[in-house]
PDB file of N, CA and C in Angstrom:
ATOM      1  N   MET A   1     -26.917 -26.093 -56.474  1.00  0.00           N
ATOM      2  CA  MET A   1     -27.504 -25.920 -54.975  1.00  0.00           C
ATOM      3  C   MET A   1     -28.929 -24.706 -55.213  1.00  0.00           C
ATOM      4  N   ASP A   2     -29.856 -24.535 -55.352  1.00  0.00           N
ATOM      5  CA  ASP A   2     -30.562 -24.168 -55.831  1.00  0.00           C
ATOM      6  C   ASP A   2     -31.333 -22.804 -53.970  1.00  0.00           C
ATOM      7  N   SER A   3     -31.166 -22.233 -54.105  1.00  0.00           N
ATOM      8  CA  SER A   3     -31.348 -21.378 -52.814  1.00  0.00           C
ATOM      9  C   SER A   3     -32.898 -20.607 -52.873  1.00  0.00           C
ATOM     10  N   ALA A   4     -34.025 -20.049 -52.471  1.00  0.00           N
ATOM     11  CA  ALA A   4     -34.600 -19.209 -52.981  1.00  0.00           C
ATOM     12  C   ALA A   4     -33.980 -18.505 -52.204  1.00  0.00           C
ATOM     13  N   PRO A   5     -34.266 -16.863 -53.762  1.00  0.00           N
ATOM     14  CA  PRO A   5     -33.918 -15.293 -53.249  1.00  0.00           C
ATOM     15  C   PRO A   5     -34.742 -14.960 -51.960  1.00  0.00           C
ATOM     16  N   LYS A   6     -33.416 -14.247 -51.355  1.00  0.00           N
ATOM     17  CA  LYS A   6     -34.041 -13.925 -50.128  1.00  0.00           C
ATOM     18  C   LYS A   6     -34.075 -12.655 -50.486  1.00  0.00           C
ATOM     19  N   ALA A   7     -35.254 -12.121 -49.245  1.00  0.00           N
ATOM     20  CA  ALA A   7     -36.154 -11.012 -49.337  1.00  0.00           C
ATOM     21  C   ALA A   7     -35.090  -9.884 -48.622  1.00  0.00           C
ATOM     22  N   THR A   8     -35.492  -8.513 -49.662  1.00  0.00           N
ATOM     23  CA  THR A   8     -34.777  -8.097 -48.694  1.00  0.00           C
ATOM     24  C   THR A   8     -35.531  -6.569 -48.232  1.00  0.00           C
ATOM     25  N   VAL A   9     -34.951  -5.197 -47.325  1.00  0.00           N
ATOM     26  CA  VAL A   9     -35.920  -4.149 -47.326  1.00  0.00           C
ATOM     27  C   VAL A   9     -36.184  -3.881 -48.294  1.00  0.00           C
ATOM     28  N   VAL A  10     -35.674  -2.871 -49.565  1.00  0.00           N
ATOM     29  CA  VAL A  10     -36.031  -2.747 -49.980  1.00  0.00           C
ATOM     30  C   VAL A  10     -37.210  -3.690 -51.239  1.00  0.00           C
ATOM     31  N   GLY A  11     -37.289  -4.724 -51.206  1.00  0.00           N
ATOM     32  CA  GLY A  11     -37.770  -5.294 -52.535  1.00  0.00           C
ATOM     33  C   GLY A  11     -39.374  -5.667 -51.316  1.00  0.00           C
ATOM     34  N   LEU A  12     -39.325  -6.021 -49.584  1.00  0.00           N
ATOM     35  CA  LEU A  12     -40.384  -6.139 -49.068  1.00  0.00           C
ATOM     36  C   LEU A  12     -40.829  -4.342 -48.996  1.00  0.00           C
ATOM     37  N   VAL A  13     -40.439  -3.333 -48.898  1.00  0.00           N
ATOM     38  CA  VAL A  13     -41.103  -2.370 -48.630  1.00  0.00           C
ATOM     39  C   VAL A  13     -41.271  -1.455 -49.874  1.00  0.00           C
ATOM     40  N   THR A  14     -40.932  -2.035 -51.255  1.00  0.00           N
ATOM     41  CA  THR A  14     -41.074  -1.220 -51.977  1.00  0.00           C
ATOM     42  C   THR A  14     -42.616  -0.837 -52.809  1.00  0.00           C
ATOM     43  N   PRO A  15     -43.080  -2.098 -52.689  1.00  0.00           N
ATOM     44  CA  PRO A  15     -44.554  -2.472 -53.680  1.00  0.00           C
ATOM     45  C   PRO A  15     -45.761  -1.229 -52.683  1.00  0.00           C
ATOM     46  N   HIS A  16     -45.188  -1.989 -51.535  1.00  0.00           N
ATOM     47  CA  HIS A  16     -46.230  -0.650 -50.199  1.00  0.00           C
ATOM     48  C   HIS A  16     -46.058   0.910 -50.880  1.00  0.00           C
ATOM     49  N   LEU A  17     -44.299   0.969 -51.066  1.00  0.00           N
ATOM     50  CA  LEU A  17     -45.001   2.225 -51.236  1.00  0.00           C
ATOM     51  C   LEU A  17     -45.441   3.362 -52.518  1.00  0.00           C
ATOM     52  N   LEU A  18     -44.956   2.041 -53.387  1.00  0.00           N
ATOM     53  CA  LEU A  18     -46.322   2.366 -55.069  1.00  0.00           C
ATOM     54  C   LEU A  18     -47.298   2.671 -54.931  1.00  0.00           C
ATOM     55  N   ARG A  19     -47.941   1.955 -54.143  1.00  0.00           N
ATOM     56  CA  ARG A  19     -49.431   1.541 -53.886  1.00  0.00           C
ATOM     57  C   ARG A  19     -49.414   2.914 -53.093  1.00  0.00           C
ATOM     58  N   VAL A  20     -48.483   3.983 -52.285  1.00  0.00           N
ATOM     59  CA  VAL A  20     -49.142   5.346 -51.842  1.00  0.00           C
ATOM     60  C   VAL A  20     -48.681   6.645 -53.136  1.00  0.00           C
ATOM     61  N   VAL A  21     -47.622   5.816 -54.016  1.00  0.00           N
ATOM     62  CA  VAL A  21     -47.328   6.752 -54.528  1.00  0.00           C
ATOM     63  C   VAL A  21     -48.776   6.720 -55.730  1.00  0.00           C
ATOM     64  N   ASP A  22     -49.323   5.547 -56.620  1.00  0.00           N
ATOM     65  CA  ASP A  22     -50.122   5.726 -56.646  1.00  0.00           C
ATOM     66  C   ASP A  22     -51.324   6.662 -56.909  1.00  0.00           C
ATOM     67  N   LEU A  23     -51.294   6.076 -55.504  1.00  0.00           N
ATOM     68  CA  LEU A  23     -52.802   6.775 -54.663  1.00  0.00           C
ATOM     69  C   LEU A  23     -52.935   8.295 -54.944  1.00  0.00           C
ATOM     70  N   ALA A  24     -51.389   8.819 -53.931  1.00  0.00           N
ATOM     71  CA  ALA A  24     -51.600  10.277 -54.311  1.00  0.00           C
ATOM     72  C   ALA A  24     -50.959  10.833 -55.813  1.00  0.00           C
ATOM     73  N   ASN A  25     -50.666   9.879 -56.819  1.00  0.00           N
ATOM     74  CA  ASN A  25     -51.229  10.628 -58.634  1.00  0.00           C
ATOM     75  C   ASN A  25     -53.026  10.711 -57.876  1.00  0.00           C
ATOM     76  N   GLU A  26     -53.581  10.025 -58.024  1.00  0.00           N
ATOM     77  CA  GLU A  26     -55.215   9.791 -58.085  1.00  0.00           C
ATOM     78  C   GLU A  26     -55.796  11.312 -57.840  1.00  0.00           C
ATOM     79  N   ALA A  27     -54.676  11.047 -56.338  1.00  0.00           N
ATOM     80  CA  ALA A  27     -55.441  13.422 -55.647  1.00  0.00           C
ATOM     81  C   ALA A  27     -55.158  13.440 -56.226  1.00  0.00           C
ATOM     82  N   GLU A  28     -54.221  14.208 -57.189  1.00  0.00           N
ATOM     83  CA  GLU A  28     -53.972  15.000 -58.058  1.00  0.00           C
ATOM     84  C   GLU A  28     -55.287  15.682 -59.215  1.00  0.00           C
ATOM     85  N   LYS A  29     -56.012  14.336 -59.616  1.00  0.00           N
ATOM     86  CA  LYS A  29     -56.221  14.257 -60.429  1.00  0.00           C
ATOM     87  C   LYS A  29     -58.065  14.914 -59.770  1.00  0.00           C
ATOM     88  N   GLY A  30     -58.094  14.788 -58.368  1.00  0.00           N
ATOM     89  CA  GLY A  30     -59.296  15.186 -58.059  1.00  0.00           C
ATOM     90  C   GLY A  30     -60.021  14.064 -57.176  1.00  0.00           C
ATOM     91  N   VAL A  31     -59.149  12.545 -57.702  1.00  0.00           N
ATOM     92  CA  VAL A  31     -60.373  11.924 -56.382  1.00  0.00           C
ATOM     93  C   VAL A  31     -59.848  12.217 -55.446  1.00  0.00           C
ATOM     94  N   ASN A  32     -60.553  11.801 -54.031  1.00  0.00           N
ATOM     95  CA  ASN A  32     -60.785  11.334 -52.884  1.00  0.00           C
ATOM     96  C   ASN A  32     -59.852   9.701 -52.220  1.00  0.00           C
ATOM     97  N   VAL A  33     -58.846   9.897 -51.948  1.00  0.00           N
ATOM     98  CA  VAL A  33     -58.415   8.768 -51.055  1.00  0.00           C
ATOM     99  C   VAL A  33     -57.945   9.305 -50.348  1.00  0.00           C
ATOM    100  N   ASP A  34     -58.151   9.878 -49.487  1.00  0.00           N
ATOM    101  CA  ASP A  34     -57.848   9.524 -47.988  1.00  0.00           C
ATOM    102  C   ASP A  34     -58.047   8.968 -47.334  1.00  0.00           C
ATOM    103  N   TRP A  35     -59.503   7.906 -47.304  1.00  0.00           N
ATOM    104  CA  TRP A  35     -59.556   6.516 -47.341  1.00  0.00           C
ATOM    105  C   TRP A  35     -58.570   5.619 -47.430  1.00  0.00           C
ATOM    106  N   HIS A  36     -58.897   5.645 -48.410  1.00  0.00           N
ATOM    107  CA  HIS A  36     -57.278   4.720 -49.320  1.00  0.00           C
ATOM    108  C   HIS A  36     -56.151   4.704 -48.195  1.00  0.00           C
ATOM    109  N   VAL A  37     -55.687   5.929 -48.651  1.00  0.00           N
ATOM    110  CA  VAL A  37     -54.113   5.835 -47.703  1.00  0.00           C
ATOM    111  C   VAL A  37     -54.299   5.174 -46.651  1.00  0.00           C
ATOM    112  N   ARG A  38     -55.675   5.920 -45.939  1.00  0.00           N
ATOM    113  CA  ARG A  38     -55.150   4.637 -44.105  1.00  0.00           C
ATOM    114  C   ARG A  38     -55.267   3.572 -44.484  1.00  0.00           C
ATOM    115  N   ASP A  39     -56.254   2.923 -44.903  1.00  0.00           N
ATOM    116  CA  ASP A  39     -56.210   1.309 -45.315  1.00  0.00           C
ATOM    117  C   ASP A  39     -54.470   1.240 -45.922  1.00  0.00           C
ATOM    118  N   ALA A  40     -53.774   1.592 -47.247  1.00  0.00           N
ATOM    119  CA  ALA A  40     -53.289   0.835 -47.023  1.00  0.00           C
ATOM    120  C   ALA A  40     -51.472   1.214 -46.232  1.00  0.00           C
ATOM    121  N   VAL A  41     -51.879   2.316 -45.310  1.00  0.00           N
ATOM    122  CA  VAL A  41     -50.716   2.355 -44.788  1.00  0.00           C
ATOM    123  C   VAL A  41     -51.319   1.422 -43.463  1.00  0.00           C
ATOM    124  N   SER A  42     -52.449   1.254 -42.888  1.00  0.00           N
ATOM    125  CA  SER A  42     -52.525   0.270 -41.897  1.00  0.00           C
ATOM    126  C   SER A  42     -52.952  -1.497 -41.890  1.00  0.00           C
ATOM    127  N   LYS A  43     -52.762  -1.178 -43.202  1.00  0.00           N
ATOM    128  CA  LYS A  43     -52.510  -2.651 -43.870  1.00  0.00           C
ATOM    129  C   LYS A  43     -50.871  -3.019 -44.164  1.00  0.00           C
ATOM    130  N   THR A  44     -50.107  -1.997 -44.344  1.00  0.00           N
ATOM    131  CA  THR A  44     -48.782  -2.621 -44.598  1.00  0.00           C
ATOM    132  C   THR A  44     -48.161  -2.834 -43.234  1.00  0.00           C
ATOM    133  N   MET A  45     -48.279  -1.868 -42.285  1.00  0.00           N
ATOM    134  CA  MET A  45     -48.004  -1.457 -40.733  1.00  0.00           C
ATOM    135  C   MET A  45     -48.450  -2.348 -40.447  1.00  0.00           C
ATOM    136  N   GLY A  46     -49.538  -3.300 -41.161  1.00  0.00           N
ATOM    137  CA  GLY A  46     -50.076  -4.263 -40.051  1.00  0.00           C
ATOM    138  C   GLY A  46     -48.434  -6.085 -41.027  1.00  0.00           C
ATOM    139  N   LEU A  47     -48.406  -6.058 -42.257  1.00  0.00           N
ATOM    140  CA  LEU A  47     -47.841  -5.928 -42.706  1.00  0.00           C
ATOM    141  C   LEU A  47     -46.783  -6.956 -42.029  1.00  0.00           C
ATOM    142  N   LEU A  48     -45.983  -5.676 -42.496  1.00  0.00           N
ATOM    143  CA  LEU A  48     -44.254  -5.183 -41.792  1.00  0.00           C
ATOM    144  C   LEU A  48     -44.036  -6.035 -40.757  1.00  0.00           C
ATOM    145  N   GLY A  49     -45.149  -6.055 -39.742  1.00  0.00           N
ATOM    146  CA  GLY A  49     -45.046  -5.751 -38.350  1.00  0.00           C
ATOM    147  C   GLY A  49     -44.744  -7.359 -37.659  1.00  0.00           C
ATOM    148  N   ASP A  50     -44.704  -7.895 -39.090  1.00  0.00           N
ATOM    149  CA  ASP A  50     -45.487 -10.085 -38.648  1.00  0.00           C
ATOM    150  C   ASP A  50     -43.666  -9.920 -38.734  1.00  0.00           C
ATOM    151  N   GLN A  51     -43.378  -9.293 -39.502  1.00  0.00           N
ATOM    152  CA  GLN A  51     -42.018  -9.909 -40.139  1.00  0.00           C
ATOM    153  C   GLN A  51     -41.027  -9.975 -38.480  1.00  0.00           C
ATOM    154  N   TRP A  52     -39.596 -10.408 -38.997  1.00  0.00           N
ATOM    155  CA  TRP A  52     -38.735 -10.665 -37.786  1.00  0.00           C
ATOM    156  C   TRP A  52     -37.646  -9.039 -38.487  1.00  0.00           C
ATOM    157  N   ASN A  53     -37.696  -8.668 -38.824  1.00  0.00           N
ATOM    158  CA  ASN A  53     -36.922  -7.593 -39.405  1.00  0.00           C
ATOM    159  C   ASN A  53     -37.784  -6.634 -38.864  1.00  0.00           C
ATOM    160  N   ALA A  54     -39.003  -6.349 -38.174  1.00  0.00           N
ATOM    161  CA  ALA A  54     -39.811  -5.688 -38.078  1.00  0.00           C
ATOM    162  C   ALA A  54     -39.837  -3.862 -38.301  1.00  0.00           C
ATOM    163  N   ALA A  55     -38.784  -4.220 -37.181  1.00  0.00           N
ATOM    164  CA  ALA A  55     -38.831  -1.476 -36.794  1.00  0.00           C
ATOM    165  C   ALA A  55     -37.939  -1.575 -38.416  1.00  0.00           C
ATOM    166  N   VAL A  56     -36.794  -2.173 -38.784  1.00  0.00           N
ATOM    167  CA  VAL A  56     -36.019  -1.982 -39.704  1.00  0.00           C
ATOM    168  C   VAL A  56     -36.681  -1.790 -40.741  1.00  0.00           C
ATOM    169  N   LEU A  57     -38.144  -2.298 -41.091  1.00  0.00           N
ATOM    170  CA  LEU A  57     -38.925  -2.259 -42.325  1.00  0.00           C
ATOM    171  C   LEU A  57     -40.130  -0.948 -42.419  1.00  0.00           C
ATOM    172  N   MET A  58     -40.932  -1.297 -40.678  1.00  0.00           N
ATOM    173  CA  MET A  58     -41.377   0.495 -41.042  1.00  0.00           C
ATOM    174  C   MET A  58     -40.277   1.743 -41.134  1.00  0.00           C
ATOM    175  N   ALA A  59     -39.134   1.605 -40.272  1.00  0.00           N
ATOM    176  CA  ALA A  59     -38.867   3.017 -40.185  1.00  0.00           C
ATOM    177  C   ALA A  59     -38.446   2.675 -41.727  1.00  0.00           C
ATOM    178  N   ALA A  60     -38.231   2.155 -42.023  1.00  0.00           N
ATOM    179  CA  ALA A  60     -37.851   2.576 -44.738  1.00  0.00           C
ATOM    180  C   ALA A  60     -38.987   2.600 -44.842  1.00  0.00           C
ATOM    181  N   TYR A  61     -40.462   2.378 -44.308  1.00  0.00           N
ATOM    182  CA  TYR A  61     -41.787   2.335 -44.900  1.00  0.00           C
ATOM    183  C   TYR A  61     -41.422   4.358 -44.513  1.00  0.00           C
ATOM    184  N   VAL A  62     -41.130   4.545 -43.683  1.00  0.00           N
ATOM    185  CA  VAL A  62     -42.181   5.862 -43.295  1.00  0.00           C
ATOM    186  C   VAL A  62     -41.118   6.902 -43.746  1.00  0.00           C
ATOM    187  N   ASP A  63     -39.724   6.129 -43.614  1.00  0.00           N
ATOM    188  CA  ASP A  63     -38.491   6.862 -44.073  1.00  0.00           C
ATOM    189  C   ASP A  63     -38.028   6.932 -46.021  1.00  0.00           C
ATOM    190  N   GLY A  64     -39.616   6.454 -46.186  1.00  0.00           N
ATOM    191  CA  GLY A  64     -39.457   6.091 -48.132  1.00  0.00           C
ATOM    192  C   GLY A  64     -40.512   7.489 -48.556  1.00  0.00           C
ATOM    193  N   LEU A  65     -42.018   6.801 -48.066  1.00  0.00           N
ATOM    194  CA  LEU A  65     -42.972   7.855 -47.625  1.00  0.00           C
ATOM    195  C   LEU A  65     -42.213   9.574 -47.590  1.00  0.00           C
ATOM    196  N   GLU A  66     -41.543   9.660 -46.028  1.00  0.00           N
ATOM    197  CA  GLU A  66     -41.267  11.435 -45.697  1.00  0.00           C
ATOM    198  C   GLU A  66     -40.155  11.401 -46.839  1.00  0.00           C
ATOM    199  N   SER A  67     -39.779  11.059 -47.749  1.00  0.00           N
ATOM    200  CA  SER A  67     -38.489  11.311 -49.272  1.00  0.00           C
ATOM    201  C   SER A  67     -38.961  11.144 -50.092  1.00  0.00           C
ATOM    202  N   ALA A  68     -40.192  10.383 -50.140  1.00  0.00           N
ATOM    203  CA  ALA A  68     -41.162  11.021 -51.628  1.00  0.00           C
ATOM    204  C   ALA A  68     -41.599  12.690 -51.175  1.00  0.00           C
ATOM    205  N   ALA A  69     -42.464  12.537 -50.480  1.00  0.00           N
ATOM    206  CA  ALA A  69     -43.268  14.144 -50.086  1.00  0.00           C
ATOM    207  C   ALA A  69     -42.267  14.966 -49.959  1.00  0.00           C
ATOM    208  N   THR A  70     -40.959  15.307 -49.858  1.00  0.00           N
ATOM    209  CA  THR A  70     -40.121  16.260 -49.744  1.00  0.00           C
ATOM    210  C   THR A  70     -39.266  16.524 -51.254  1.00  0.00           C
ATOM    211  N   GLN A  71     -39.482  15.794 -51.139  1.00  0.00           N
ATOM    212  CA  GLN A  71     -38.492  15.385 -53.608  1.00  0.00           C
ATOM    213  C   GLN A  71     -39.958  15.477 -53.976  1.00  0.00           C
ATOM    214  N   ALA A  72     -41.082  16.339 -53.325  1.00  0.00           N
ATOM    215  CA  ALA A  72     -41.581  16.246 -54.435  1.00  0.00           C
ATOM    216  C   ALA A  72     -42.323  18.179 -55.596  1.00  0.00           C
ATOM    217  N   PRO A  73     -42.524  18.064 -56.281  1.00  0.00           N
ATOM    218  CA  PRO A  73     -41.689  19.245 -56.967  1.00  0.00           C
ATOM    219  C   PRO A  73     -43.024  19.833 -55.666  1.00  0.00           C
ATOM    220  N   LYS A  74     -42.793  21.741 -55.839  1.00  0.00           N
ATOM    221  CA  LYS A  74     -43.506  22.457 -55.449  1.00  0.00           C
ATOM    222  C   LYS A  74     -45.296  22.281 -56.292  1.00  0.00           C
ATOM    223  N   THR A  75     -45.058  22.456 -57.919  1.00  0.00           N
ATOM    224  CA  THR A  75     -46.738  22.151 -58.541  1.00  0.00           C
ATOM    225  C   THR A  75     -47.209  21.077 -57.514  1.00  0.00           C
ATOM    226  N   ARG A  76     -46.913  19.815 -57.186  1.00  0.00           N
ATOM    227  CA  ARG A  76     -47.413  18.956 -56.827  1.00  0.00           C
ATOM    228  C   ARG A  76     -47.747  18.860 -55.680  1.00  0.00           C
ATOM    229  N   ALA A  77     -48.283  20.244 -55.134  1.00  0.00           N
ATOM    230  CA  ALA A  77     -48.892  19.955 -53.083  1.00  0.00           C
ATOM    231  C   ALA A  77     -49.750  18.923 -52.848  1.00  0.00           C
ATOM    232  N   ALA A  78     -51.006  18.411 -54.487  1.00  0.00           N
ATOM    233  CA  ALA A  78     -51.896  17.549 -53.654  1.00  0.00           C
ATOM    234  C   ALA A  78     -50.867  16.028 -53.505  1.00  0.00           C
ATOM    235  N   TYR A  79     -50.007  16.147 -54.340  1.00  0.00           N
ATOM    236  CA  TYR A  79     -49.554  14.901 -54.264  1.00  0.00           C
ATOM    237  C   TYR A  79     -48.508  14.200 -53.298  1.00  0.00           C
ATOM    238  N   ALA A  80     -47.736  15.899 -52.844  1.00  0.00           N
ATOM    239  CA  ALA A  80     -47.093  15.553 -51.273  1.00  0.00           C
ATOM    240  C   ALA A  80     -47.080  15.481 -50.770  1.00  0.00           C
ATOM    241  N   ARG A  81     -48.784  16.081 -50.438  1.00  0.00           N
ATOM    242  CA  ARG A  81     -49.351  16.138 -49.087  1.00  0.00           C
ATOM    243  C   ARG A  81     -50.375  14.704 -48.819  1.00  0.00           C
ATOM    244  N   VAL A  82     -50.405  13.910 -50.184  1.00  0.00           N
ATOM    245  CA  VAL A  82     -50.794  12.700 -49.444  1.00  0.00           C
ATOM    246  C   VAL A  82     -49.864  11.861 -48.880  1.00  0.00           C
ATOM    247  N   LEU A  83     -48.478  11.973 -49.392  1.00  0.00           N
ATOM    248  CA  LEU A  83     -47.370  11.506 -49.079  1.00  0.00           C
ATOM    249  C   LEU A  83     -46.884  11.541 -47.295  1.00  0.00           C
ATOM    250  N   GLN A  84     -47.658  13.216 -47.670  1.00  0.00           N
ATOM    251  CA  GLN A  84     -47.253  13.420 -45.800  1.00  0.00           C
ATOM    252  C   GLN A  84     -47.665  12.477 -45.222  1.00  0.00           C
ATOM    253  N   ALA A  85     -49.299  12.260 -45.377  1.00  0.00           N
ATOM    254  CA  ALA A  85     -49.745  12.182 -45.001  1.00  0.00           C
ATOM    255  C   ALA A  85     -50.229  10.540 -44.520  1.00  0.00           C
ATOM    256  N   ALA A  86     -50.165   9.912 -45.471  1.00  0.00           N
ATOM    257  CA  ALA A  86     -49.576   8.034 -45.045  1.00  0.00           C
ATOM    258  C   ALA A  86     -48.076   8.513 -44.027  1.00  0.00           C
ATOM    259  N   ALA A  87     -46.799   9.160 -43.920  1.00  0.00           N
ATOM    260  CA  ALA A  87     -45.177   9.359 -43.637  1.00  0.00           C
ATOM    261  C   ALA A  87     -46.000   9.177 -41.628  1.00  0.00           C
ATOM    262  N   ASP A  88     -46.506  10.204 -41.860  1.00  0.00           N
ATOM    263  CA  ASP A  88     -47.483  10.715 -40.766  1.00  0.00           C
ATOM    264  C   ASP A  88     -48.474   9.671 -40.023  1.00  0.00           C
ATOM    265  N   ALA A  89     -49.326   9.435 -40.880  1.00  0.00           N
ATOM    266  CA  ALA A  89     -49.952   8.235 -39.964  1.00  0.00           C
ATOM    267  C   ALA A  89     -49.123   6.721 -39.902  1.00  0.00           C
ATOM    268  N   ALA A  90     -48.310   6.323 -40.595  1.00  0.00           N
ATOM    269  CA  ALA A  90     -47.361   5.229 -40.510  1.00  0.00           C
ATOM    270  C   ALA A  90     -46.746   5.376 -39.386  1.00  0.00           C
ATOM    271  N   ARG A  91     -46.080   6.207 -39.029  1.00  0.00           N
ATOM    272  CA  ARG A  91     -45.505   7.031 -37.806  1.00  0.00           C
ATOM    273  C   ARG A  91     -46.292   6.413 -36.507  1.00  0.00           C
ATOM    274  N   ARG A  92     -47.294   6.824 -36.263  1.00  0.00           N
ATOM    275  CA  ARG A  92     -48.063   6.631 -35.689  1.00  0.00           C
ATOM    276  C   ARG A  92     -48.523   5.584 -34.926  1.00  0.00           C
ATOM    277  N   LEU A  93     -48.603   4.769 -36.171  1.00  0.00           N
ATOM    278  CA  LEU A  93     -48.883   3.582 -36.018  1.00  0.00           C
ATOM    279  C   LEU A  93     -47.742   2.766 -35.443  1.00  0.00           C
ATOM    280  N   ARG A  94     -46.309   2.973 -35.375  1.00  0.00           N
ATOM    281  CA  ARG A  94     -45.701   2.572 -35.407  1.00  0.00           C
ATOM    282  C   ARG A  94     -45.167   2.741 -34.044  1.00  0.00           C
ATOM    283  N   ARG A  95     -45.359   3.370 -33.403  1.00  0.00           N
ATOM    284  CA  ARG A  95     -45.012   3.921 -32.147  1.00  0.00           C
ATOM    285  C   ARG A  95     -46.523   2.922 -31.382  1.00  0.00           C
ATOM    286  N   ASP A  96     -47.911   2.829 -31.911  1.00  0.00           N
ATOM    287  CA  ASP A  96     -48.501   1.930 -31.268  1.00  0.00           C
ATOM    288  C   ASP A  96     -48.293   0.872 -30.728  1.00  0.00           C
TER     289      ASP A  96
END
């Protein structure tokens, strides 16, 4: 009996989190990533919002961004700032 692998919250959210983490790493190098972060968050929230368990996925995405931002070392201020900005933007879109 072949069944397709089941999609999990982690499996659906992680690629989107990693995209923002990559952008945060670029910000540390001095790259202006503001537009790219807003775009990534907006697209992600749109994609997650189309899922049957949208509320859970969106909450996991926001929680993941906030967790990464708070766990960032103090020496990585630009990195943490981008992650927190992404979390704030996702939270605002979640309420809309």
